[in-house]
Amino acid sequence: MNDRRVAVVFPGQGAQRPGMGKDFYDTIPVSRDTYNEASETLGWDVAAMCFVEDERLNLTEYAQPCILATEIAMFRGLQLLYGFDPDYFGGHSLGEYTALVAAGVLPFSDALIIVQTRGRLMQEATPVGMGGMAAVIAAGLDVQKVLRALGDLPVDLANDNSADQVVISGELSAIPEAEERLRASIGDKPSFRFIPLNVSAPFHSRFMGTIEGRFREVLQNIETKLEPGNANRVTSNFTGLFHSNDSSEIIGRMVSQLNNTVQWRKNMDALAATGNSIFEVGPGRPLRGFFKTMNLECQSIMTFSGAQRVFERTGVSQKQL
């Protein structure tokens, strides 16, 4: 890479797709080794689940480690082939764990176990069919208006994604009332859309609070393995700012991420203030559109061929394997 400052961001759950990462696995030995390491750590074939049609890929407990493994396999491949060495890191929800691994703060094997446990606990937090989520889309969204419309409903702001999109989360039975109130409040915008999401639980809402204590124990068990020296180059979804280099603070923020708003818009502000090149690495590219609302270019890498095109445009040649 050249002397430009570079930030990398990683998408979270919802970006998964059958076949993700297979071209990296087939082409780059370090990517293949990453999938093998994930399988050895978790005791099941991570690559097989990622590469074929498997219903479990849509279950939170399996989707989260599969996405993490794929993103790290891609990232390590880019490091090897193109000398990809970002200065700053960010990730949306689950993607924050990938960012911490990529920055060298959290060991990969421990992160795999953490996110699989996280996924299981998130699914167990509420009875099946009780929770729901929905995307609220409109140009120039006023977050305070959204919050006022939700009022006393058992529904929270889960993601502040961009100036044009937020996600709400809470009791499934209250989602229709939330839609009615939001239509009355901001539905006059021609671009207004309300899209229920196909999810199994109300993520990033007050209803995740039931698992906070158990998840804190999971993270505290690996606190001595953290290498927090680079944490101040990784954005926190909970605060919207960069992490501190204090292990206990990192753990506290990752626990709080479970049942609080993902402050992704603030994360983008923080990353944008540090440099002029932003790359999205993962099996999907939802984050690119969020940066676009800020008039920022985010180059997305979803496949090996896509990586070749991106780095050819930036004048970086591929190393021989």
Protein backbone atom coordinates (compact mmCIF):
# COMPACT_ATOMS: atom_id res chain seq x y z
CA MET A 1 0.00 0.00 0.00
CA ASN A 2 1.11 3.60 -0.41
CA ASP A 3 1.35 6.37 2.18
CA ARG A 4 -2.36 7.21 2.31
CA ARG A 5 -4.14 6.60 5.57
CA VAL A 6 -6.48 3.65 5.20
CA ALA A 7 -9.50 2.49 7.20
CA VAL A 8 -11.16 -0.91 6.87
CA VAL A 9 -14.70 -1.75 7.95
CA PHE A 10 -16.42 -5.11 8.32
CA PRO A 11 -20.17 -5.80 7.99
CA GLY A 12 -22.08 -7.85 10.53
CA GLN A 13 -24.85 -10.41 10.60
CA GLY A 14 -27.05 -10.32 7.52
CA ALA A 15 -24.07 -10.15 5.17
CA GLN A 16 -23.73 -13.95 5.08
CA ARG A 17 -24.36 -15.85 1.85
CA PRO A 18 -23.67 -19.39 0.58
CA GLY A 19 -20.27 -19.58 -1.09
CA MET A 20 -18.80 -16.66 0.83
CA GLY A 21 -15.03 -16.68 0.91
CA LYS A 22 -14.62 -19.79 -1.25
CA ASP A 23 -12.56 -18.02 -3.91
CA PHE A 24 -10.15 -16.80 -1.22
CA TYR A 25 -10.04 -20.33 0.24
CA ASP A 26 -9.30 -21.85 -3.19
CA THR A 27 -6.68 -19.26 -4.15
CA ILE A 28 -4.76 -18.11 -1.09
CA PRO A 29 -3.16 -20.57 1.37
CA VAL A 30 -3.39 -18.22 4.38
CA SER A 31 -7.13 -17.84 3.79
CA ARG A 32 -7.52 -21.61 3.62
CA ASP A 33 -5.52 -21.96 6.83
CA THR A 34 -7.82 -19.43 8.50
CA TYR A 35 -10.91 -21.52 7.76
CA ASN A 36 -9.10 -24.64 8.97
CA GLU A 37 -8.12 -22.86 12.19
CA ALA A 38 -11.75 -21.86 12.70
CA SER A 39 -12.92 -25.44 12.22
CA GLU A 40 -10.35 -26.79 14.66
CA THR A 41 -11.30 -24.17 17.23
CA LEU A 42 -15.06 -24.69 17.03
CA GLY A 43 -15.15 -28.43 16.34
CA TRP A 44 -17.23 -28.26 13.17
CA ASP A 45 -16.47 -27.63 9.50
CA VAL A 46 -16.77 -23.87 9.13
CA ALA A 47 -15.73 -23.84 5.46
CA ALA A 48 -18.36 -26.41 4.52
CA MET A 49 -21.09 -24.36 6.15
CA CYS A 50 -19.93 -21.20 4.40
CA PHE A 51 -19.55 -22.70 0.95
CA VAL A 52 -22.80 -24.66 0.42
CA GLU A 53 -26.50 -24.13 1.00
CA ASP A 54 -26.88 -24.82 4.72
CA GLU A 55 -29.91 -23.71 6.72
CA ARG A 56 -27.73 -23.23 9.80
CA LEU A 57 -26.02 -20.29 8.12
CA ASN A 58 -29.14 -18.26 8.94
CA LEU A 59 -29.06 -19.26 12.61
CA THR A 60 -27.38 -16.61 14.74
CA GLU A 61 -25.20 -19.10 16.62
CA TYR A 62 -23.60 -20.31 13.36
CA ALA A 63 -23.85 -17.20 11.21
CA GLN A 64 -21.70 -15.11 13.55
CA PRO A 65 -18.58 -17.34 13.61
CA CYS A 66 -18.96 -18.05 9.88
CA ILE A 67 -18.98 -14.34 9.04
CA LEU A 68 -16.06 -13.65 11.38
CA ALA A 69 -14.02 -16.51 9.88
CA THR A 70 -14.78 -15.38 6.33
CA GLU A 71 -13.86 -11.76 7.00
CA ILE A 72 -10.57 -12.66 8.70
CA ALA A 73 -9.74 -15.14 5.91
CA MET A 74 -10.32 -12.37 3.37
CA PHE A 75 -8.40 -9.80 5.41
CA ARG A 76 -5.37 -12.08 5.88
CA GLY A 77 -5.39 -12.85 2.17
CA LEU A 78 -5.36 -9.15 1.33
CA GLN A 79 -2.52 -8.59 3.78
CA LEU A 80 -0.44 -11.31 2.12
CA LEU A 81 -1.14 -10.41 -1.50
CA TYR A 82 -1.32 -6.64 -1.40
CA GLY A 83 0.39 -5.57 1.80
CA PHE A 84 -3.00 -4.34 3.02
CA ASP A 85 -2.17 -2.68 6.33
CA PRO A 86 -4.98 -0.37 7.49
CA ASP A 87 -4.41 2.38 10.00
CA TYR A 88 -7.94 2.28 11.43
CA PHE A 89 -10.63 -0.36 11.89
CA GLY A 90 -14.38 -0.44 12.31
CA GLY A 91 -17.15 -3.00 12.19
CA HIS A 92 -20.92 -2.98 12.36
CA SER A 93 -22.26 -5.00 15.32
CA LEU A 94 -20.68 -8.45 14.88
CA GLY A 95 -18.18 -6.77 12.55
CA GLU A 96 -16.69 -4.94 15.53
CA TYR A 97 -15.27 -8.29 16.67
CA THR A 98 -13.66 -8.77 13.26
CA ALA A 99 -12.19 -5.27 13.56
CA LEU A 100 -10.69 -6.09 16.97
CA VAL A 101 -9.15 -9.29 15.57
CA ALA A 102 -7.80 -7.53 12.48
CA ALA A 103 -6.23 -4.82 14.66
CA GLY A 104 -4.49 -7.45 16.78
CA VAL A 105 -6.48 -6.70 19.93
CA LEU A 106 -8.46 -9.95 20.19
CA PRO A 107 -7.04 -13.40 19.31
CA PHE A 108 -8.88 -15.00 16.39
CA SER A 109 -9.53 -18.34 18.12
CA ASP A 110 -10.97 -16.66 21.20
CA ALA A 111 -13.10 -14.35 19.06
CA LEU A 112 -14.63 -17.35 17.30
CA ILE A 113 -15.73 -18.90 20.59
CA ILE A 114 -16.97 -15.55 21.88
CA VAL A 115 -19.17 -14.80 18.87
CA GLN A 116 -20.62 -18.30 18.72
CA THR A 117 -21.55 -17.96 22.39
CA ARG A 118 -22.81 -14.43 21.73
CA GLY A 119 -25.05 -15.70 18.95
CA ARG A 120 -26.47 -18.48 21.11
CA LEU A 121 -27.13 -16.14 24.03
CA MET A 122 -28.76 -13.53 21.78
CA GLN A 123 -31.09 -16.18 20.44
CA GLU A 124 -31.91 -17.38 23.95
CA ALA A 125 -32.56 -13.86 25.28
CA THR A 126 -36.21 -13.87 24.20
CA PRO A 127 -38.73 -16.59 23.29
CA VAL A 128 -38.93 -17.42 19.59
CA GLY A 129 -41.51 -15.22 17.87
CA MET A 130 -41.52 -12.56 20.57
CA GLY A 131 -39.07 -10.08 19.03
CA GLY A 132 -38.97 -8.15 15.81
CA MET A 133 -36.93 -5.53 13.97
CA ALA A 134 -37.59 -3.14 11.11
CA ALA A 135 -35.61 -0.72 8.98
CA VAL A 136 -36.89 2.83 8.78
CA ILE A 137 -35.72 4.60 5.64
CA ALA A 138 -36.20 8.23 4.64
CA ALA A 139 -33.98 11.00 3.35
CA GLY A 140 -32.66 13.20 6.14
CA LEU A 141 -33.99 11.18 9.05
CA ASP A 142 -34.33 13.00 12.36
CA VAL A 143 -33.37 10.43 15.01
CA GLN A 144 -35.01 12.44 17.77
CA LYS A 145 -38.31 12.35 15.86
CA VAL A 146 -37.99 8.59 15.58
CA LEU A 147 -37.36 8.27 19.31
CA ARG A 148 -40.30 10.52 20.17
CA ALA A 149 -42.58 8.49 17.89
CA LEU A 150 -41.58 5.26 19.65
CA GLY A 151 -42.39 6.92 22.96
CA ASP A 152 -43.57 4.40 25.54
CA LEU A 153 -43.59 1.43 23.15
CA PRO A 154 -41.43 -1.60 24.02
CA VAL A 155 -39.32 -0.79 20.96
CA ASP A 156 -35.81 0.70 20.87
CA LEU A 157 -33.48 2.28 18.36
CA ALA A 158 -31.16 -0.60 17.45
CA ASN A 159 -28.98 0.94 14.74
CA ASP A 160 -28.33 4.54 13.77
CA ASN A 161 -26.89 3.57 10.40
CA SER A 162 -26.93 6.75 8.33
CA ALA A 163 -28.75 9.98 7.64
CA ASP A 164 -31.23 7.90 5.64
CA GLN A 165 -31.67 4.72 7.70
CA VAL A 166 -32.22 3.55 11.24
CA VAL A 167 -33.32 0.16 12.56
CA ILE A 168 -35.78 -0.35 15.40
CA SER A 169 -36.03 -3.44 17.61
CA GLY A 170 -38.37 -4.73 20.29
CA GLU A 171 -41.54 -6.69 20.92
CA LEU A 172 -42.93 -8.05 17.67
CA SER A 173 -46.49 -7.20 18.68
CA ALA A 174 -45.52 -3.51 19.02
CA ILE A 175 -43.85 -3.18 15.60
CA PRO A 176 -47.14 -2.41 13.73
CA GLU A 177 -47.94 0.39 16.18
CA ALA A 178 -44.40 1.71 15.75
CA GLU A 179 -44.95 1.78 11.99
CA GLU A 180 -48.20 3.71 12.36
CA ARG A 181 -46.60 6.29 14.61
CA LEU A 182 -43.59 6.71 12.35
CA ARG A 183 -45.79 7.11 9.29
CA ALA A 184 -47.70 9.82 11.11
CA SER A 185 -44.50 11.52 12.22
CA ILE A 186 -42.18 11.28 9.21
CA GLY A 187 -44.22 9.42 6.60
CA ASP A 188 -44.77 12.60 4.62
CA LYS A 189 -41.29 12.19 3.14
CA PRO A 190 -41.59 10.71 -0.38
CA SER A 191 -38.66 8.40 0.34
CA PHE A 192 -40.22 6.93 3.51
CA ARG A 193 -40.13 3.15 3.75
CA PHE A 194 -40.76 0.80 6.66
CA ILE A 195 -39.28 -2.66 6.10
CA PRO A 196 -39.78 -5.49 8.64
CA LEU A 197 -36.62 -7.58 8.91
CA ASN A 198 -36.44 -11.36 8.90
CA VAL A 199 -34.68 -11.84 12.24
CA SER A 200 -35.06 -14.30 15.08
CA ALA A 201 -34.68 -11.91 18.03
CA PRO A 202 -34.80 -8.18 18.90
CA PHE A 203 -31.08 -7.46 18.69
CA HIS A 204 -29.56 -4.30 20.21
CA SER A 205 -32.62 -3.62 22.34
CA ARG A 206 -33.47 -3.65 26.05
CA PHE A 207 -34.50 -7.30 25.63
CA MET A 208 -30.85 -8.35 25.27
CA GLY A 209 -30.27 -7.14 28.82
CA THR A 210 -31.18 -10.58 30.18
CA ILE A 211 -27.91 -12.02 28.84
CA GLU A 212 -25.62 -9.15 29.82
CA GLY A 213 -24.23 -10.83 32.94
CA ARG A 214 -23.52 -14.15 31.27
CA PHE A 215 -21.86 -12.51 28.30
CA ARG A 216 -19.71 -10.34 30.55
CA GLU A 217 -18.38 -13.52 32.17
CA VAL A 218 -17.48 -14.90 28.74
CA LEU A 219 -15.45 -11.80 27.91
CA GLN A 220 -13.84 -11.52 31.33
CA ASN A 221 -12.51 -15.06 30.92
CA ILE A 222 -10.31 -13.89 28.03
CA GLU A 223 -9.39 -10.44 29.40
CA THR A 224 -5.78 -11.46 30.03
CA LYS A 225 -5.45 -12.48 26.36
CA LEU A 226 -6.38 -9.05 25.03
CA GLU A 227 -3.62 -6.94 23.49
CA PRO A 228 -5.20 -3.51 23.87
CA GLY A 229 -2.33 -1.48 22.42
CA ASN A 230 -4.10 -0.95 19.09
CA ALA A 231 -7.63 -0.65 20.47
CA ASN A 232 -7.54 3.13 20.06
CA ARG A 233 -7.54 2.52 16.29
CA VAL A 234 -10.83 0.56 16.46
CA THR A 235 -14.22 2.25 16.68
CA SER A 236 -16.74 1.29 19.35
CA ASN A 237 -20.36 0.75 18.30
CA PHE A 238 -21.51 1.66 21.81
CA THR A 239 -19.79 5.03 22.15
CA GLY A 240 -19.43 5.88 18.46
CA LEU A 241 -15.81 6.85 19.20
CA PHE A 242 -12.55 4.93 19.25
CA HIS A 243 -11.91 2.38 21.97
CA SER A 244 -9.47 3.17 24.75
CA ASN A 245 -6.43 0.98 25.38
CA ASP A 246 -7.93 -0.30 28.63
CA SER A 247 -8.97 -3.97 28.57
CA SER A 248 -11.75 -3.60 31.12
CA GLU A 249 -13.23 -0.66 29.21
CA ILE A 250 -13.14 -2.63 25.97
CA ILE A 251 -15.04 -5.48 27.64
CA GLY A 252 -17.58 -3.10 29.14
CA ARG A 253 -18.28 -1.52 25.76
CA MET A 254 -18.64 -4.87 24.00
CA VAL A 255 -21.14 -5.98 26.64
CA SER A 256 -23.06 -2.71 26.33
CA GLN A 257 -23.18 -3.14 22.56
CA LEU A 258 -25.64 -6.02 23.06
CA ASN A 259 -28.57 -3.98 24.32
CA ASN A 260 -27.81 -0.47 23.13
CA THR A 261 -27.91 1.41 19.85
CA VAL A 262 -25.17 0.67 17.32
CA GLN A 263 -23.87 4.20 16.75
CA TRP A 264 -22.68 3.48 13.23
CA ARG A 265 -23.16 7.02 11.96
CA LYS A 266 -20.76 8.26 14.66
CA ASN A 267 -18.36 5.42 13.80
CA MET A 268 -18.30 6.63 10.20
CA ASP A 269 -17.66 10.21 11.36
CA ALA A 270 -14.73 9.03 13.48
CA LEU A 271 -13.21 6.96 10.67
CA ALA A 272 -13.77 9.67 8.06
CA ALA A 273 -11.86 12.14 10.22
CA THR A 274 -8.73 9.95 10.16
CA GLY A 275 -8.02 9.46 6.48
CA ASN A 276 -9.17 9.43 2.90
CA SER A 277 -9.37 5.75 1.88
CA ILE A 278 -12.04 3.41 3.25
CA PHE A 279 -12.38 -0.26 2.33
CA GLU A 280 -15.22 -2.61 3.23
CA VAL A 281 -14.16 -6.27 3.48
CA GLY A 282 -16.75 -9.00 3.88
CA PRO A 283 -19.27 -11.29 2.18
CA GLY A 284 -21.71 -8.41 1.61
CA ARG A 285 -21.47 -4.66 1.16
CA PRO A 286 -24.15 -2.96 3.27
CA LEU A 287 -21.75 -0.37 4.69
CA ARG A 288 -20.80 1.17 1.35
CA GLY A 289 -24.23 2.74 0.99
CA PHE A 290 -24.06 4.24 4.47
CA PHE A 291 -20.79 5.98 3.64
CA LYS A 292 -22.32 7.21 0.40
CA THR A 293 -24.88 9.23 2.37
CA MET A 294 -21.88 11.17 3.74
CA ASN A 295 -20.49 11.69 0.23
CA LEU A 296 -17.64 9.34 1.07
CA GLU A 297 -16.36 6.61 -1.22
CA CYS A 298 -16.08 3.17 0.34
CA GLN A 299 -14.54 0.50 -1.87
CA SER A 300 -16.15 -2.87 -1.16
CA ILE A 301 -14.34 -6.19 -1.49
CA MET A 302 -16.63 -9.21 -1.48
CA THR A 303 -14.72 -11.61 -3.75
CA PHE A 304 -11.15 -12.35 -4.78
CA SER A 305 -11.77 -11.07 -8.31
CA GLY A 306 -13.27 -7.95 -6.78
CA ALA A 307 -10.12 -7.47 -4.69
CA GLN A 308 -7.99 -7.72 -7.81
CA ARG A 309 -10.01 -5.00 -9.51
CA VAL A 310 -9.93 -2.71 -6.47
CA PHE A 311 -6.18 -2.93 -5.99
CA GLU A 312 -5.47 -2.63 -9.69
CA ARG A 313 -7.32 0.69 -9.59
CA THR A 314 -5.21 1.84 -6.66
CA GLY A 315 -1.97 0.86 -8.40
CA VAL A 316 -1.03 -1.98 -6.05
CA SER A 317 0.32 -5.10 -7.74
CA GLN A 318 -0.47 -8.62 -6.59
CA LYS A 319 2.33 -10.69 -5.09
CA GLN A 320 3.03 -14.17 -6.36
CA LEU A 321 1.68 -16.97 -4.19
